[in-house]
Amino acid sequence: MTKSNEKKDKKEITLDVLPVGETGTLVNMDLNGTMRRRLQDLGMIPGTRIVPTKKSPGKGPTAYRIRDSVYALRQEDACRINVTLV
């Protein structure tokens, strides 16, 4: 299998449904303005590995490990970030 076929075979999901402890690789963000800029400043660029570490009950924020730091993101922001499973 070639590298281009491997990319097509990986399933793309939104960050809010990535299970705790699983690793996802950032594909793209459907965010604009200051939130997009803030996340990029934190190192969230395509290819970045992201691991959910804790989920709040309901639709509360989730903690994500991004480049050796942990950040909390709201569900309404996480659902606009696409990742592939590693």
N, C-alpha and C. Protein backbone atom coordinates (compact mmCIF):
# COMPACT_ATOMS: atom_id res chain seq x y z
N MET A 1 0.84 -1.17 0.00
CA MET A 1 0.00 0.00 0.00
C MET A 1 0.90 1.24 0.00
N THR A 2 0.60 2.21 -0.85
CA THR A 2 1.40 3.43 -0.92
C THR A 2 0.95 4.42 0.15
N LYS A 3 1.78 5.42 0.37
CA LYS A 3 1.45 6.42 1.39
C LYS A 3 0.17 7.17 1.05
N SER A 4 -0.08 7.45 -0.23
CA SER A 4 -1.30 8.17 -0.59
C SER A 4 -2.53 7.30 -0.31
N ASN A 5 -2.42 5.98 -0.51
CA ASN A 5 -3.54 5.08 -0.19
C ASN A 5 -3.75 4.98 1.31
N GLU A 6 -2.67 5.01 2.09
CA GLU A 6 -2.79 4.95 3.55
C GLU A 6 -3.55 6.15 4.06
N LYS A 7 -3.30 7.34 3.51
CA LYS A 7 -4.01 8.53 3.93
C LYS A 7 -5.50 8.41 3.64
N LYS A 8 -5.85 7.84 2.50
CA LYS A 8 -7.25 7.69 2.13
C LYS A 8 -7.95 6.67 3.02
N ASP A 9 -7.21 5.67 3.50
CA ASP A 9 -7.80 4.61 4.32
C ASP A 9 -8.07 5.05 5.76
N LYS A 10 -7.40 6.08 6.23
CA LYS A 10 -7.59 6.53 7.61
C LYS A 10 -8.92 7.26 7.72
N LYS A 11 -9.64 6.94 8.78
CA LYS A 11 -10.95 7.53 9.00
C LYS A 11 -10.81 8.90 9.64
N GLU A 12 -11.48 9.88 9.06
CA GLU A 12 -11.47 11.24 9.60
C GLU A 12 -12.69 11.43 10.49
N ILE A 13 -12.45 11.93 11.71
CA ILE A 13 -13.52 12.19 12.66
C ILE A 13 -13.31 13.57 13.26
N THR A 14 -14.31 14.04 13.99
CA THR A 14 -14.14 15.32 14.69
C THR A 14 -13.51 15.06 16.06
N LEU A 15 -12.82 16.06 16.57
CA LEU A 15 -12.08 15.92 17.81
C LEU A 15 -12.98 15.58 19.00
N ASP A 16 -14.22 16.07 19.00
CA ASP A 16 -15.11 15.83 20.14
C ASP A 16 -15.51 14.37 20.30
N VAL A 17 -15.38 13.54 19.27
CA VAL A 17 -15.73 12.12 19.38
C VAL A 17 -14.50 11.21 19.51
N LEU A 18 -13.31 11.80 19.52
CA LEU A 18 -12.09 11.02 19.72
C LEU A 18 -12.08 10.48 21.15
N PRO A 19 -12.01 9.16 21.33
CA PRO A 19 -12.07 8.59 22.69
C PRO A 19 -10.88 8.99 23.56
N VAL A 20 -11.11 9.12 24.84
CA VAL A 20 -10.06 9.44 25.81
C VAL A 20 -8.96 8.39 25.69
N GLY A 21 -7.72 8.86 25.62
CA GLY A 21 -6.57 7.95 25.52
C GLY A 21 -6.16 7.61 24.10
N GLU A 22 -7.03 7.84 23.12
CA GLU A 22 -6.69 7.57 21.72
C GLU A 22 -5.95 8.78 21.15
N THR A 23 -5.14 8.56 20.12
CA THR A 23 -4.38 9.64 19.50
C THR A 23 -4.96 9.97 18.14
N GLY A 24 -5.13 11.25 17.89
CA GLY A 24 -5.58 11.73 16.59
C GLY A 24 -4.56 12.70 16.02
N THR A 25 -4.50 12.77 14.70
CA THR A 25 -3.62 13.71 14.01
C THR A 25 -4.50 14.78 13.37
N LEU A 26 -4.21 16.03 13.67
CA LEU A 26 -5.00 17.14 13.16
C LEU A 26 -4.96 17.19 11.64
N VAL A 27 -6.14 17.28 11.03
CA VAL A 27 -6.25 17.40 9.58
C VAL A 27 -6.56 18.85 9.22
N ASN A 28 -7.64 19.40 9.80
CA ASN A 28 -8.00 20.79 9.55
C ASN A 28 -8.95 21.29 10.63
N MET A 29 -9.12 22.62 10.65
CA MET A 29 -10.02 23.25 11.62
C MET A 29 -11.01 24.12 10.86
N ASP A 30 -12.29 23.95 11.15
CA ASP A 30 -13.34 24.77 10.55
C ASP A 30 -13.67 25.90 11.53
N LEU A 31 -12.64 26.66 11.89
CA LEU A 31 -12.77 27.77 12.83
C LEU A 31 -12.19 29.02 12.17
N ASN A 32 -12.69 30.18 12.58
CA ASN A 32 -12.19 31.44 12.05
C ASN A 32 -11.85 32.38 13.19
N GLY A 33 -11.19 33.45 12.85
CA GLY A 33 -10.96 34.53 13.81
C GLY A 33 -10.01 34.19 14.93
N THR A 34 -10.32 34.75 16.10
CA THR A 34 -9.40 34.65 17.23
C THR A 34 -9.24 33.23 17.76
N MET A 35 -10.30 32.43 17.71
CA MET A 35 -10.19 31.05 18.20
C MET A 35 -9.22 30.25 17.33
N ARG A 36 -9.34 30.37 16.03
CA ARG A 36 -8.42 29.67 15.13
C ARG A 36 -6.98 30.12 15.39
N ARG A 37 -6.78 31.41 15.51
CA ARG A 37 -5.45 31.96 15.75
C ARG A 37 -4.89 31.47 17.09
N ARG A 38 -5.72 31.47 18.11
CA ARG A 38 -5.29 31.03 19.44
C ARG A 38 -4.84 29.57 19.40
N LEU A 39 -5.62 28.71 18.74
CA LEU A 39 -5.27 27.29 18.66
C LEU A 39 -3.99 27.08 17.84
N GLN A 40 -3.83 27.86 16.79
CA GLN A 40 -2.59 27.76 16.00
C GLN A 40 -1.39 28.21 16.85
N ASP A 41 -1.58 29.25 17.64
CA ASP A 41 -0.49 29.70 18.52
C ASP A 41 -0.11 28.65 19.56
N LEU A 42 -1.08 27.80 19.94
CA LEU A 42 -0.81 26.72 20.89
C LEU A 42 -0.15 25.51 20.21
N GLY A 43 0.02 25.58 18.90
CA GLY A 43 0.68 24.50 18.17
C GLY A 43 -0.25 23.58 17.42
N MET A 44 -1.52 23.93 17.32
CA MET A 44 -2.46 23.08 16.60
C MET A 44 -2.43 23.43 15.11
N ILE A 45 -1.55 22.72 14.41
CA ILE A 45 -1.42 22.87 12.97
C ILE A 45 -1.56 21.47 12.37
N PRO A 46 -1.86 21.38 11.07
CA PRO A 46 -2.01 20.04 10.47
C PRO A 46 -0.80 19.15 10.77
N GLY A 47 -1.10 17.92 11.17
CA GLY A 47 -0.06 16.95 11.51
C GLY A 47 0.20 16.83 13.00
N THR A 48 -0.33 17.77 13.80
CA THR A 48 -0.14 17.73 15.24
C THR A 48 -0.91 16.57 15.85
N ARG A 49 -0.29 15.86 16.76
CA ARG A 49 -0.97 14.76 17.46
C ARG A 49 -1.68 15.30 18.69
N ILE A 50 -2.92 14.84 18.87
CA ILE A 50 -3.77 15.31 19.96
C ILE A 50 -4.34 14.10 20.68
N VAL A 51 -4.30 14.12 22.02
CA VAL A 51 -4.83 13.01 22.83
C VAL A 51 -5.79 13.58 23.87
N PRO A 52 -7.08 13.19 23.83
CA PRO A 52 -7.99 13.59 24.91
C PRO A 52 -7.57 12.89 26.20
N THR A 53 -7.48 13.65 27.30
CA THR A 53 -7.07 13.04 28.56
C THR A 53 -8.21 12.94 29.57
N LYS A 54 -9.14 13.88 29.57
CA LYS A 54 -10.30 13.84 30.47
C LYS A 54 -11.49 14.51 29.81
N LYS A 55 -12.67 13.92 30.00
CA LYS A 55 -13.90 14.52 29.49
C LYS A 55 -14.80 14.91 30.64
N SER A 56 -15.38 16.09 30.54
CA SER A 56 -16.35 16.54 31.54
C SER A 56 -17.71 15.90 31.23
N PRO A 57 -18.57 15.77 32.24
CA PRO A 57 -19.90 15.22 31.98
C PRO A 57 -20.69 16.15 31.07
N GLY A 58 -21.60 15.56 30.33
CA GLY A 58 -22.44 16.36 29.44
C GLY A 58 -21.64 16.95 28.31
N LYS A 59 -21.91 18.20 28.00
CA LYS A 59 -21.22 18.88 26.91
C LYS A 59 -20.16 19.85 27.43
N GLY A 60 -19.61 19.57 28.60
CA GLY A 60 -18.57 20.41 29.18
C GLY A 60 -17.28 20.30 28.40
N PRO A 61 -16.25 21.04 28.81
CA PRO A 61 -14.97 20.99 28.10
C PRO A 61 -14.24 19.66 28.29
N THR A 62 -13.36 19.39 27.36
CA THR A 62 -12.52 18.20 27.41
C THR A 62 -11.07 18.64 27.45
N ALA A 63 -10.25 17.96 28.23
CA ALA A 63 -8.82 18.25 28.30
C ALA A 63 -8.09 17.45 27.21
N TYR A 64 -7.23 18.12 26.46
CA TYR A 64 -6.47 17.49 25.38
C TYR A 64 -4.99 17.74 25.59
N ARG A 65 -4.18 16.69 25.38
CA ARG A 65 -2.72 16.85 25.41
C ARG A 65 -2.30 17.22 23.99
N ILE A 66 -1.67 18.40 23.89
CA ILE A 66 -1.20 18.92 22.60
C ILE A 66 0.23 19.38 22.80
N ARG A 67 1.17 18.71 22.16
CA ARG A 67 2.60 19.07 22.24
C ARG A 67 3.08 19.23 23.68
N ASP A 68 2.90 18.23 24.50
CA ASP A 68 3.40 18.19 25.88
C ASP A 68 2.73 19.17 26.83
N SER A 69 1.60 19.74 26.44
CA SER A 69 0.81 20.60 27.33
C SER A 69 -0.63 20.12 27.28
N VAL A 70 -1.42 20.49 28.29
CA VAL A 70 -2.83 20.09 28.33
C VAL A 70 -3.69 21.34 28.27
N TYR A 71 -4.67 21.33 27.35
CA TYR A 71 -5.58 22.46 27.17
C TYR A 71 -7.01 21.94 27.18
N ALA A 72 -7.92 22.76 27.69
CA ALA A 72 -9.34 22.41 27.68
C ALA A 72 -10.02 23.11 26.51
N LEU A 73 -10.81 22.35 25.77
CA LEU A 73 -11.58 22.91 24.65
C LEU A 73 -13.05 22.62 24.86
N ARG A 74 -13.88 23.59 24.51
CA ARG A 74 -15.33 23.39 24.58
C ARG A 74 -15.76 22.44 23.47
N GLN A 75 -16.85 21.73 23.73
CA GLN A 75 -17.37 20.78 22.76
C GLN A 75 -17.72 21.47 21.45
N GLU A 76 -18.27 22.69 21.50
CA GLU A 76 -18.65 23.39 20.27
C GLU A 76 -17.45 23.80 19.43
N ASP A 77 -16.26 23.89 20.02
CA ASP A 77 -15.05 24.15 19.25
C ASP A 77 -14.44 22.83 18.76
N ALA A 78 -14.42 21.83 19.63
CA ALA A 78 -13.83 20.53 19.28
C ALA A 78 -14.57 19.86 18.12
N CYS A 79 -15.86 20.10 17.99
CA CYS A 79 -16.63 19.46 16.92
C CYS A 79 -16.32 20.07 15.56
N ARG A 80 -15.54 21.14 15.53
CA ARG A 80 -15.18 21.79 14.27
C ARG A 80 -13.71 21.54 13.90
N ILE A 81 -13.09 20.59 14.61
CA ILE A 81 -11.70 20.22 14.37
C ILE A 81 -11.67 18.78 13.89
N ASN A 82 -11.09 18.53 12.73
CA ASN A 82 -11.04 17.19 12.14
C ASN A 82 -9.69 16.54 12.38
N VAL A 83 -9.74 15.27 12.77
CA VAL A 83 -8.53 14.49 13.02
C VAL A 83 -8.67 13.11 12.36
N THR A 84 -7.53 12.46 12.17
CA THR A 84 -7.55 11.05 11.77
C THR A 84 -6.98 10.24 12.92
N LEU A 85 -7.46 9.03 13.10
CA LEU A 85 -6.97 8.14 14.14
C LEU A 85 -5.56 7.66 13.79
N VAL A 86 -4.72 7.60 14.81
CA VAL A 86 -3.33 7.14 14.59
C VAL A 86 -3.26 5.67 14.91
